[in-house]
């Protein structure tokens, strides 16, 4: 079940076909990629004496070496720990320490922070910069045979922030990744060796997961030079590479829809845009469909059940004649082929259509548990069901609509932000007595982070001071876009902050600071 076998197979069957591209240029054929992966596996095992099951972290922006490293890790029987490269150094250090990673592979953009962690993280034996002489030395090793892995063996530790402010590592097994990939073929798209997966979003998260079914079928993986969403670049790459699919957060789709380079581009080669992280505003979705046509598909999933809970297919998007089309476009679609999905009450009992409860899911795609966190695992995996923390309801046809997020998750620009970790950063200021962070609807980013701050008596605190504190301690994208200084926070009889009232204040006066 080792996904590295896909690279090995295509290396034998189609050695001269393109496997990995750097923009419009072929970086490696399947034969070359298979050789690099097998040599990289040997180099990783031999350089620091790693054993099967050891963890190897990757901290780098999207680049061809990312996929070389990822599949070399699996080929060697190791466990990949892809880390969001936009995190703060201290956040990266926590993930490396918590996962007990032995090696971290990084790039020049992150080397200053990451290499220094070798002295700070007890288990970390080496930091390897790729591309460069260190990575070249790894790839110079004699190719190693593929290490067989069982379905229940861990393959990917997917770190996602928790409500306590500390990330949790969802343990994704080889079976999870296989079932996720097969479900993609069943519910989203068939994929052929003539197709392309364009990694405009981070490989460490959604784009890397969506890439796996494409690697399985021998499609070419393309890395944009910009490492992100640039309309002119994406337009050129779509023209260069046939059968192009890419993942984008709803805010990214909106940005591309309004980009003049996309509006005038030849999009004949565009096959599918997968969007997720949140449903799109209906007006934005209709505008995107007007430009791209019925090439959009929505996926609802979590790191704990990667890429797979429900989906709103391209056919659903195209079915404008359905009398409830507009309502369906604001749902997250139908349960996927490989899972069971329920909406349950507080006792875990299924609720009928039209009633709101917690969304729970079970199936072979659901994680094995949280890495080294048995209590969190027991709280989330109960009676065989993954409790998502999302609140939703089914309609009579089985379409699921999300109504709230019980964990107060904020999604800004496709990135998950948990209020607690932002609150903890702000509370480091000696002049802050209390703080509560909520999300405010934002037309560009989906949601914007807003902090309600209570200053200590007799203390003057400025938004500039708090902003700099956040920059110094957490990732920049997590810091609030707005600070509101208030005399007190609304609380209930138990002293718990009632965030609903704060959101109502934002709706009543969205622009005040």
Protein backbone atom coordinates (compact mmCIF):
# COMPACT_ATOMS: atom_id res chain seq x y z
CA UNK A 1 0.00 0.00 0.00
CA UNK A 2 3.04 2.27 -0.08
CA UNK A 3 2.18 5.19 -2.46
CA UNK A 4 5.83 5.32 -3.58
CA UNK A 5 5.08 2.19 -5.61
CA UNK A 6 3.17 4.43 -8.05
CA UNK A 7 6.37 6.30 -8.89
CA UNK A 8 8.28 3.05 -9.27
CA UNK A 9 5.65 1.59 -11.60
CA UNK A 10 5.48 4.61 -13.89
CA UNK A 11 9.27 4.72 -13.92
CA UNK A 12 9.22 1.26 -15.51
CA UNK A 13 6.20 1.69 -17.77
CA UNK A 14 6.68 5.27 -19.01
CA UNK A 15 10.30 6.24 -18.32
CA UNK A 16 10.42 9.03 -20.94
CA UNK A 17 7.06 10.67 -20.09
CA UNK A 18 7.08 13.89 -18.01
CA UNK A 19 6.43 13.33 -14.31
CA UNK A 20 7.44 16.58 -12.63
CA UNK A 21 7.61 20.08 -14.09
CA UNK A 22 9.07 23.36 -12.87
CA UNK A 23 6.69 25.82 -14.50
CA UNK A 24 6.67 25.13 -18.22
CA UNK A 25 9.90 23.10 -18.09
CA UNK A 26 10.11 19.36 -17.45
CA UNK A 27 12.09 18.82 -14.26
CA UNK A 28 12.04 15.01 -14.37
CA UNK A 29 10.62 12.21 -16.47
CA UNK A 30 9.06 9.24 -14.70
CA UNK A 31 12.26 7.27 -15.18
CA UNK A 32 14.33 10.10 -13.69
CA UNK A 33 11.91 10.71 -10.83
CA UNK A 34 11.81 7.01 -9.93
CA UNK A 35 15.61 6.91 -9.87
CA UNK A 36 15.83 10.03 -7.68
CA UNK A 37 13.19 8.72 -5.28
CA UNK A 38 14.95 5.35 -4.89
CA UNK A 39 18.33 7.04 -4.43
CA UNK A 40 16.85 9.61 -2.03
CA UNK A 41 15.37 6.81 0.06
CA UNK A 42 18.79 5.19 0.30
CA UNK A 43 20.45 8.50 1.15
CA UNK A 44 17.94 9.33 3.89
CA UNK A 45 18.27 5.92 5.51
CA UNK A 46 22.07 5.85 5.23
CA UNK A 47 22.97 9.47 6.01
CA UNK A 48 21.67 9.52 9.57
CA UNK A 49 20.87 5.86 10.15
CA UNK A 50 17.08 6.18 10.08
CA UNK A 51 14.92 3.14 10.77
CA UNK A 52 11.58 2.22 9.20
CA UNK A 53 8.86 4.32 10.80
CA UNK A 54 11.08 7.27 11.74
CA UNK A 55 9.66 10.71 11.00
CA UNK A 56 11.10 13.09 8.41
CA UNK A 57 9.70 16.63 8.24
CA UNK A 58 9.48 18.84 5.15
CA UNK A 59 9.49 22.63 5.57
CA UNK A 60 9.69 24.31 2.16
CA UNK A 61 7.64 26.21 -0.33
CA UNK A 62 6.22 24.39 -3.33
CA UNK A 63 9.08 23.25 -5.55
CA UNK A 64 9.99 20.07 -7.46
CA UNK A 65 12.27 18.88 -4.65
CA UNK A 66 9.24 18.78 -2.35
CA UNK A 67 7.72 15.86 -4.25
CA UNK A 68 11.11 14.18 -4.66
CA UNK A 69 11.52 14.29 -0.88
CA UNK A 70 7.95 13.20 -0.10
CA UNK A 71 8.10 10.05 -2.22
CA UNK A 72 11.69 9.28 -1.14
CA UNK A 73 10.47 9.33 2.48
CA UNK A 74 7.74 6.81 1.68
CA UNK A 75 10.01 4.68 -0.53
CA UNK A 76 12.33 4.33 2.49
CA UNK A 77 9.48 3.24 4.79
CA UNK A 78 9.63 6.51 6.75
CA UNK A 79 6.78 8.76 7.89
CA UNK A 80 6.37 12.17 6.24
CA UNK A 81 5.66 15.25 8.36
CA UNK A 82 4.80 18.04 5.89
CA UNK A 83 4.83 21.35 7.79
CA UNK A 84 3.10 24.56 6.75
CA UNK A 85 6.08 26.66 5.66
CA UNK A 86 4.24 29.87 6.60
CA UNK A 87 4.34 29.04 10.30
CA UNK A 88 6.46 30.93 12.81
CA UNK A 89 9.80 29.37 13.78
CA UNK A 90 8.49 28.46 17.24
CA UNK A 91 5.42 26.77 15.73
CA UNK A 92 7.63 24.76 13.39
CA UNK A 93 9.85 23.80 16.34
CA UNK A 94 6.83 22.48 18.26
CA UNK A 95 5.75 20.24 15.37
CA UNK A 96 9.27 18.86 14.88
CA UNK A 97 9.58 18.17 18.59
CA UNK A 98 6.09 16.71 19.01
CA UNK A 99 6.51 14.38 16.02
CA UNK A 100 10.03 13.44 17.20
CA UNK A 101 11.28 14.08 13.68
CA UNK A 102 14.81 12.85 13.04
CA UNK A 103 15.48 14.84 9.87
CA UNK A 104 13.99 17.99 8.36
CA UNK A 105 14.25 18.82 4.67
CA UNK A 106 14.00 22.53 3.89
CA UNK A 107 14.95 25.12 1.25
CA UNK A 108 16.97 28.33 1.14
CA UNK A 109 13.88 30.42 1.92
CA UNK A 110 13.49 28.74 5.33
CA UNK A 111 17.02 27.53 6.06
CA UNK A 112 17.91 30.32 8.52
CA UNK A 113 15.10 29.32 10.88
CA UNK A 114 14.97 25.58 10.25
CA UNK A 115 18.68 24.71 10.35
CA UNK A 116 19.03 26.42 13.73
CA UNK A 117 16.39 24.06 15.15
CA UNK A 118 18.84 21.16 15.04
CA UNK A 119 20.28 22.54 18.28
CA UNK A 120 16.85 23.11 19.85
CA UNK A 121 14.91 19.93 19.02
CA UNK A 122 16.31 16.91 20.87
CA UNK A 123 15.36 14.27 18.28
CA UNK A 124 16.46 16.29 15.26
CA UNK A 125 19.71 14.92 13.88
CA UNK A 126 20.04 16.81 10.62
CA UNK A 127 18.58 19.58 8.47
CA UNK A 128 19.02 19.09 4.71
CA UNK A 129 18.65 22.03 2.32
CA UNK A 130 17.16 21.25 -1.10
CA UNK A 131 18.09 22.03 -3.76
CA UNK A 132 21.79 22.24 -3.06
CA UNK A 133 24.90 20.16 -2.37
CA UNK A 134 23.33 18.42 0.65
CA UNK A 135 20.33 17.23 -1.36
CA UNK A 136 22.58 16.28 -4.27
CA UNK A 137 24.59 14.11 -1.87
CA UNK A 138 21.40 12.37 -0.74
CA UNK A 139 20.42 11.68 -4.35
CA UNK A 140 23.89 10.33 -5.14
CA UNK A 141 23.34 7.20 -3.04
CA UNK A 142 22.82 3.79 -4.61
CA UNK A 143 19.07 3.26 -5.21
CA UNK A 144 17.32 1.30 -2.49
CA UNK A 145 14.46 -1.19 -2.98
CA UNK A 146 10.96 -0.07 -2.02
CA UNK A 147 10.11 -0.78 1.63
CA UNK A 148 6.77 -2.54 1.95
CA UNK A 149 4.29 -1.00 4.37
CA UNK A 150 1.05 -2.35 5.80
CA UNK A 151 -2.24 -0.54 5.50
CA UNK A 152 -2.31 0.50 9.15
CA UNK A 153 1.26 1.85 9.16
CA UNK A 154 1.49 5.65 9.47
CA UNK A 155 2.42 7.49 6.26
CA UNK A 156 1.68 11.20 6.83
CA UNK A 157 1.38 13.20 10.05
CA UNK A 158 -1.02 15.98 9.08
CA UNK A 159 -0.67 18.74 11.66
CA UNK A 160 -3.75 20.86 12.14
CA UNK A 161 -4.20 23.45 14.89
CA UNK A 162 -6.35 22.42 17.84
CA UNK A 163 -8.68 24.43 20.05
CA UNK A 164 -6.01 24.51 22.76
CA UNK A 165 -3.72 26.42 20.44
CA UNK A 166 -1.31 23.50 20.07
CA UNK A 167 -1.31 21.62 16.74
CA UNK A 168 -2.46 18.00 16.66
CA UNK A 169 -0.93 15.49 14.29
CA UNK A 170 -3.60 13.50 12.50
CA UNK A 171 -2.00 10.13 11.78
CA UNK A 172 -2.84 9.24 8.19
CA UNK A 173 -2.05 5.65 7.31
CA UNK A 174 -1.15 4.14 3.97
CA UNK A 175 -4.71 2.76 3.79
CA UNK A 176 -6.11 6.26 4.40
CA UNK A 177 -4.13 7.67 1.47
CA UNK A 178 -5.12 4.81 -0.81
CA UNK A 179 -8.83 5.08 0.00
CA UNK A 180 -8.69 8.86 -0.38
CA UNK A 181 -7.19 8.46 -3.85
CA UNK A 182 -9.68 5.80 -4.97
CA UNK A 183 -12.56 7.92 -3.72
CA UNK A 184 -11.30 10.80 -5.85
CA UNK A 185 -11.69 8.65 -8.96
CA UNK A 186 -15.16 7.54 -7.85
CA UNK A 187 -16.62 10.94 -6.95
CA UNK A 188 -14.59 13.79 -8.43
CA UNK A 189 -12.76 12.97 -11.64
CA UNK A 190 -11.20 10.18 -13.66
CA UNK A 191 -7.49 10.88 -14.22
CA UNK A 192 -5.30 9.76 -17.10
CA UNK A 193 -1.58 9.82 -17.81
CA UNK A 194 -2.21 12.74 -20.17
CA UNK A 195 -3.52 14.96 -17.36
CA UNK A 196 -1.86 17.56 -15.12
CA UNK A 197 -2.07 18.54 -11.44
CA UNK A 198 -1.02 22.15 -10.90
CA UNK A 199 0.20 22.88 -7.36
CA UNK A 200 -0.86 26.50 -6.86
CA UNK A 201 -1.79 25.85 -3.18
CA UNK A 202 0.57 24.42 -0.51
CA UNK A 203 1.66 20.81 -1.06
CA UNK A 204 1.88 20.49 2.73
CA UNK A 205 -1.92 20.57 2.87
CA UNK A 206 -4.73 20.20 0.34
CA UNK A 207 -2.78 20.41 -2.88
CA UNK A 208 -0.44 17.62 -1.79
CA UNK A 209 -3.38 15.36 -1.01
CA UNK A 210 -5.11 16.10 -4.32
CA UNK A 211 -1.83 15.36 -6.05
CA UNK A 212 -1.75 11.72 -4.94
CA UNK A 213 -4.49 10.35 -7.23
CA UNK A 214 -2.78 12.14 -10.11
CA UNK A 215 0.57 10.53 -9.31
CA UNK A 216 -1.22 7.19 -9.05
CA UNK A 217 -2.43 7.53 -12.63
CA UNK A 218 0.81 8.93 -14.04
CA UNK A 219 -0.25 12.55 -14.58
CA UNK A 220 2.41 15.27 -14.56
CA UNK A 221 2.81 17.39 -11.40
CA UNK A 222 3.49 21.06 -12.21
CA UNK A 223 4.97 23.57 -9.74
CA UNK A 224 4.40 27.26 -10.59
CA UNK A 225 7.52 29.44 -10.25
CA UNK A 226 5.59 31.96 -8.14
CA UNK A 227 4.70 29.29 -5.60
CA UNK A 228 1.17 30.66 -5.44
CA UNK A 229 -1.79 32.04 -7.33
CA UNK A 230 -0.73 34.37 -10.12
CA UNK A 231 -3.33 34.79 -12.84
CA UNK A 232 -0.92 35.43 -15.70
CA UNK A 233 1.26 32.49 -14.71
CA UNK A 234 -1.65 30.10 -14.25
CA UNK A 235 -3.12 31.14 -17.60
CA UNK A 236 0.20 30.35 -19.31
CA UNK A 237 0.59 27.01 -17.52
CA UNK A 238 -2.96 25.94 -18.39
CA UNK A 239 -2.14 26.61 -22.04
CA UNK A 240 1.12 24.64 -21.69
CA UNK A 241 -0.19 21.55 -19.88
CA UNK A 242 -3.28 19.55 -21.00
CA UNK A 243 -5.99 18.30 -18.65
CA UNK A 244 -5.06 20.73 -15.88
CA UNK A 245 -6.59 20.40 -12.41
CA UNK A 246 -5.75 22.52 -9.40
CA UNK A 247 -6.99 23.10 -5.87
CA UNK A 248 -7.89 26.60 -4.70
CA UNK A 249 -9.52 28.08 -1.63
CA UNK A 250 -12.74 29.99 -2.44
CA UNK A 251 -10.90 33.30 -2.02
CA UNK A 252 -8.32 32.15 -4.57
CA UNK A 253 -11.06 31.26 -7.05
CA UNK A 254 -12.62 34.69 -6.55
CA UNK A 255 -9.26 36.38 -7.14
CA UNK A 256 -8.68 34.42 -10.35
CA UNK A 257 -12.19 35.13 -11.58
CA UNK A 258 -11.47 38.86 -11.45
CA UNK A 259 -7.99 38.59 -12.95
CA UNK A 260 -7.78 40.11 -16.48
CA UNK A 261 -5.15 37.53 -17.50
CA UNK A 262 -7.58 34.70 -16.75
CA UNK A 263 -10.54 36.48 -18.37
CA UNK A 264 -8.71 36.69 -21.72
CA UNK A 265 -6.89 33.33 -21.51
CA UNK A 266 -7.47 30.21 -23.58
CA UNK A 267 -8.80 27.82 -20.91
CA UNK A 268 -9.39 24.87 -23.21
CA UNK A 269 -6.86 22.76 -21.29
CA UNK A 270 -8.48 23.52 -17.91
CA UNK A 271 -10.15 20.36 -16.64
CA UNK A 272 -11.15 20.94 -13.01
CA UNK A 273 -10.87 23.51 -10.25
CA UNK A 274 -11.37 21.91 -6.84
CA UNK A 275 -12.34 24.39 -4.15
CA UNK A 276 -12.73 23.72 -0.45
CA UNK A 277 -12.10 24.93 3.06
CA UNK A 278 -15.46 26.71 2.99
CA UNK A 279 -18.45 27.00 0.66
CA UNK A 280 -18.24 29.93 -1.73
CA UNK A 281 -20.55 32.91 -1.57
CA UNK A 282 -23.24 32.21 -4.16
CA UNK A 283 -22.60 35.42 -6.12
CA UNK A 284 -18.87 34.59 -6.33
CA UNK A 285 -19.65 31.02 -7.42
CA UNK A 286 -22.01 32.13 -10.17
CA UNK A 287 -19.40 34.58 -11.45
CA UNK A 288 -16.74 31.82 -11.45
CA UNK A 289 -19.04 29.41 -13.29
CA UNK A 290 -19.73 32.13 -15.83
CA UNK A 291 -16.01 32.41 -16.57
CA UNK A 292 -14.74 28.85 -16.18
CA UNK A 293 -17.89 26.93 -17.08
CA UNK A 294 -18.91 23.73 -15.23
CA UNK A 295 -15.37 22.88 -14.25
CA UNK A 296 -15.69 23.49 -10.51
CA UNK A 297 -16.04 20.82 -7.82
CA UNK A 298 -16.25 21.38 -4.08
CA UNK A 299 -14.83 18.98 -1.49
CA UNK A 300 -15.54 19.08 2.24
CA UNK A 301 -13.03 17.25 4.39
CA UNK A 302 -10.65 17.67 7.30
CA UNK A 303 -7.08 16.71 8.01
CA UNK A 304 -8.53 13.90 10.10
CA UNK A 305 -10.38 12.49 7.09
CA UNK A 306 -8.33 13.84 4.22
CA UNK A 307 -10.14 15.21 1.19
CA UNK A 308 -13.12 13.01 1.94
CA UNK A 309 -16.44 13.68 3.68
CA UNK A 310 -18.78 15.10 1.05
CA UNK A 311 -18.49 16.56 -2.45
CA UNK A 312 -20.43 18.85 -4.74
CA UNK A 313 -19.58 17.48 -8.16
CA UNK A 314 -19.05 19.24 -11.47
CA UNK A 315 -22.36 17.73 -12.58
CA UNK A 316 -24.09 19.28 -9.55
CA UNK A 317 -22.62 22.68 -10.44
CA UNK A 318 -23.82 22.30 -14.04
CA UNK A 319 -27.38 21.28 -13.11
CA UNK A 320 -28.80 24.82 -13.12
CA UNK A 321 -32.28 23.60 -14.11
CA UNK A 322 -32.77 21.89 -10.77
CA UNK A 323 -35.35 23.85 -8.73
CA UNK A 324 -33.10 23.87 -5.66
CA UNK A 325 -29.83 24.53 -7.52
CA UNK A 326 -29.08 27.70 -5.55
CA UNK A 327 -29.61 25.94 -2.21
CA UNK A 328 -27.42 23.03 -3.32
CA UNK A 329 -24.63 25.41 -4.32
CA UNK A 330 -24.52 26.63 -0.72
CA UNK A 331 -24.23 23.07 0.59
CA UNK A 332 -21.10 20.92 0.75
CA UNK A 333 -22.71 18.20 -1.34
CA UNK A 334 -23.34 14.50 -0.92
CA UNK A 335 -21.45 11.92 1.20
CA UNK A 336 -18.49 10.38 -0.60
CA UNK A 337 -18.41 6.79 -1.80
CA UNK A 338 -15.96 5.52 0.84
CA UNK A 339 -17.57 6.98 3.98
CA UNK A 340 -20.74 7.05 6.03
CA UNK A 341 -21.82 10.51 7.17
CA UNK A 342 -24.40 11.32 9.83
CA UNK A 343 -25.77 14.37 11.61
CA UNK A 344 -26.24 13.49 15.28
CA UNK A 345 -27.56 15.01 18.48
CA UNK A 346 -25.66 15.41 21.77
CA UNK A 347 -26.20 11.72 22.54
CA UNK A 348 -24.79 10.61 19.19
CA UNK A 349 -28.19 9.63 17.79
CA UNK A 350 -28.89 10.32 14.09
CA UNK A 351 -31.11 13.30 13.34
CA UNK A 352 -33.66 13.44 10.51
CA UNK A 353 -33.31 15.72 7.51
CA UNK A 354 -33.78 19.38 8.36
CA UNK A 355 -32.45 19.15 11.92
CA UNK A 356 -29.07 20.60 12.85
CA UNK A 357 -26.50 18.54 14.74
CA UNK A 358 -22.85 17.56 14.70
CA UNK A 359 -21.43 16.02 11.54
CA UNK A 360 -19.79 12.64 12.17
CA UNK A 361 -18.09 10.34 9.68
CA UNK A 362 -16.62 6.84 9.54
CA UNK A 363 -14.76 4.81 6.94
CA UNK A 364 -11.31 3.60 5.97
CA UNK A 365 -10.23 7.14 5.11
CA UNK A 366 -10.58 8.34 8.72
CA UNK A 367 -7.28 8.86 10.55
CA UNK A 368 -5.87 6.30 12.97
CA UNK A 369 -5.80 8.95 15.69
CA UNK A 370 -3.79 11.95 16.86
CA UNK A 371 -0.06 11.30 17.14
CA UNK A 372 0.93 10.79 20.79
CA UNK A 373 -2.36 12.31 22.04
CA UNK A 374 -4.60 9.47 23.30
CA UNK A 375 -7.02 11.75 25.17
CA UNK A 376 -7.64 13.94 22.13
CA UNK A 377 -8.03 10.79 20.03
CA UNK A 378 -10.59 9.32 22.40
CA UNK A 379 -12.51 12.58 22.43
CA UNK A 380 -12.64 12.80 18.62
CA UNK A 381 -12.99 9.12 17.66
CA UNK A 382 -15.98 7.77 19.57
CA UNK A 383 -17.83 4.51 18.89
CA UNK A 384 -16.12 4.22 15.52
CA UNK A 385 -17.13 7.70 14.36
CA UNK A 386 -15.00 10.79 13.79
CA UNK A 387 -16.67 13.78 15.45
CA UNK A 388 -15.84 16.72 13.19
CA UNK A 389 -16.98 19.54 15.48
CA UNK A 390 -18.90 20.99 12.53
CA UNK A 391 -22.63 21.58 12.81
CA UNK A 392 -24.85 20.90 9.83
CA UNK A 393 -28.05 19.43 8.46
CA UNK A 394 -29.07 17.15 5.60
CA UNK A 395 -31.85 18.05 3.20
CA UNK A 396 -34.36 15.50 1.93
CA UNK A 397 -32.09 14.59 -1.00
CA UNK A 398 -29.05 13.96 1.20
CA UNK A 399 -27.13 17.20 0.54
CA UNK A 400 -25.27 18.41 3.63
CA UNK A 401 -25.21 22.09 4.56
CA UNK A 402 -22.85 23.35 7.27
CA UNK A 403 -24.47 25.79 9.68
CA UNK A 404 -21.75 26.54 12.22
CA UNK A 405 -18.37 25.43 13.46
CA UNK A 406 -18.54 24.43 17.06
CA UNK A 407 -14.77 24.86 17.42
CA UNK A 408 -14.95 28.52 16.31
CA UNK A 409 -12.55 27.88 13.47
CA UNK A 410 -11.74 30.92 11.31
CA UNK A 411 -10.89 30.28 7.64
CA UNK A 412 -9.06 33.20 6.05
CA UNK A 413 -7.66 32.88 2.55
CA UNK A 414 -8.12 29.11 2.75
CA UNK A 415 -5.96 28.86 5.89
CA UNK A 416 -7.34 27.51 9.16
CA UNK A 417 -6.95 29.86 12.12
CA UNK A 418 -7.99 28.84 15.62
CA UNK A 419 -8.85 31.80 17.87
CA UNK A 420 -7.25 30.32 20.97
CA UNK A 421 -3.69 30.49 19.63
CA UNK A 422 -4.17 34.12 18.56
CA UNK A 423 -5.65 34.92 21.97
CA UNK A 424 -2.69 33.32 23.73
CA UNK A 425 -0.29 35.43 21.70
CA UNK A 426 -2.10 38.67 22.56
CA UNK A 427 -2.35 37.74 26.24
CA UNK A 428 1.45 37.81 26.42
CA UNK A 429 1.19 41.60 26.46
CA UNK A 430 1.34 42.72 30.11
CA UNK A 431 -1.23 45.42 29.45
CA UNK A 432 -3.93 43.02 28.22
CA UNK A 433 -6.38 41.70 30.80
CA UNK A 434 -8.65 39.72 28.49
CA UNK A 435 -9.12 39.04 24.80
CA UNK A 436 -11.49 37.14 22.56
CA UNK A 437 -10.93 36.47 18.86
CA UNK A 438 -13.66 35.85 16.29
CA UNK A 439 -14.01 35.84 12.51
CA UNK A 440 -15.73 38.54 10.47
CA UNK A 441 -17.00 37.91 6.90
CA UNK A 442 -14.56 39.39 4.41
CA UNK A 443 -15.22 39.67 0.64
CA UNK A 444 -11.56 39.06 -0.27
CA UNK A 445 -10.33 36.55 2.32
CA UNK A 446 -13.54 34.77 3.29
CA UNK A 447 -13.09 35.73 6.92
CA UNK A 448 -10.93 38.28 8.71
CA UNK A 449 -9.58 37.85 12.24
CA UNK A 450 -10.89 40.39 14.77
CA UNK A 451 -9.63 40.69 18.35
CA UNK A 452 -11.75 42.20 21.13
CA UNK A 453 -9.28 43.41 23.76
CA UNK A 454 -9.77 44.48 27.37
CA UNK A 455 -6.81 46.48 28.66
CA UNK A 456 -5.62 46.22 32.24
CA UNK A 457 -6.66 49.08 34.51
CA UNK A 458 -4.62 52.19 33.93
CA UNK A 459 -2.79 50.69 30.95
CA UNK A 460 -2.61 52.11 27.46
CA UNK A 461 -2.33 49.41 24.80
CA UNK A 462 -2.11 50.13 21.08
CA UNK A 463 -3.05 47.96 18.14
CA UNK A 464 0.47 48.44 16.78
CA UNK A 465 1.97 46.85 19.89
CA UNK A 466 -0.37 43.88 19.68
CA UNK A 467 0.23 43.48 15.97
CA UNK A 468 3.99 43.36 16.48
CA UNK A 469 3.55 40.84 19.32
CA UNK A 470 1.56 38.58 16.99
CA UNK A 471 4.15 38.92 14.23
CA UNK A 472 6.85 37.91 16.72
CA UNK A 473 5.04 34.83 18.03
CA UNK A 474 2.65 33.37 15.42
CA UNK A 475 2.37 33.14 11.64
CA UNK A 476 1.63 36.50 10.01
CA UNK A 477 -1.58 35.34 8.36
CA UNK A 478 -3.07 34.55 11.78
CA UNK A 479 -2.76 38.04 13.22
CA UNK A 480 -5.93 40.14 13.56
CA UNK A 481 -6.92 42.55 10.82
CA UNK A 482 -8.84 44.59 13.39
CA UNK A 483 -8.40 45.29 17.12
CA UNK A 484 -11.38 46.52 19.11
CA UNK A 485 -10.74 47.83 22.57
CA UNK A 486 -13.70 47.25 24.91
CA UNK A 487 -14.31 47.68 28.64
CA UNK A 488 -15.49 44.10 29.12
CA UNK A 489 -16.25 40.92 27.20
CA UNK A 490 -19.78 39.47 27.23
CA UNK A 491 -19.94 36.36 29.42
CA UNK A 492 -22.57 33.84 30.48
CA UNK A 493 -23.40 32.67 34.00
CA UNK A 494 -20.35 30.41 34.00
CA UNK A 495 -17.97 33.21 33.06
CA UNK A 496 -17.46 31.90 29.52
CA UNK A 497 -17.17 34.50 26.78
CA UNK A 498 -20.24 34.53 24.54
CA UNK A 499 -18.65 34.90 21.12
CA UNK A 500 -22.04 35.02 19.46
CA UNK A 501 -22.56 38.49 20.94
CA UNK A 502 -19.20 39.64 19.62
CA UNK A 503 -20.14 38.48 16.12
CA UNK A 504 -23.44 40.35 16.47
CA UNK A 505 -21.46 43.50 17.31
CA UNK A 506 -19.44 43.01 14.15
CA UNK A 507 -22.56 42.58 12.04
CA UNK A 508 -24.04 45.76 13.55
CA UNK A 509 -20.88 47.81 13.02
CA UNK A 510 -18.41 46.00 10.75
CA UNK A 511 -16.02 48.92 10.17
CA UNK A 512 -15.42 50.38 13.66
CA UNK A 513 -12.00 49.83 15.24
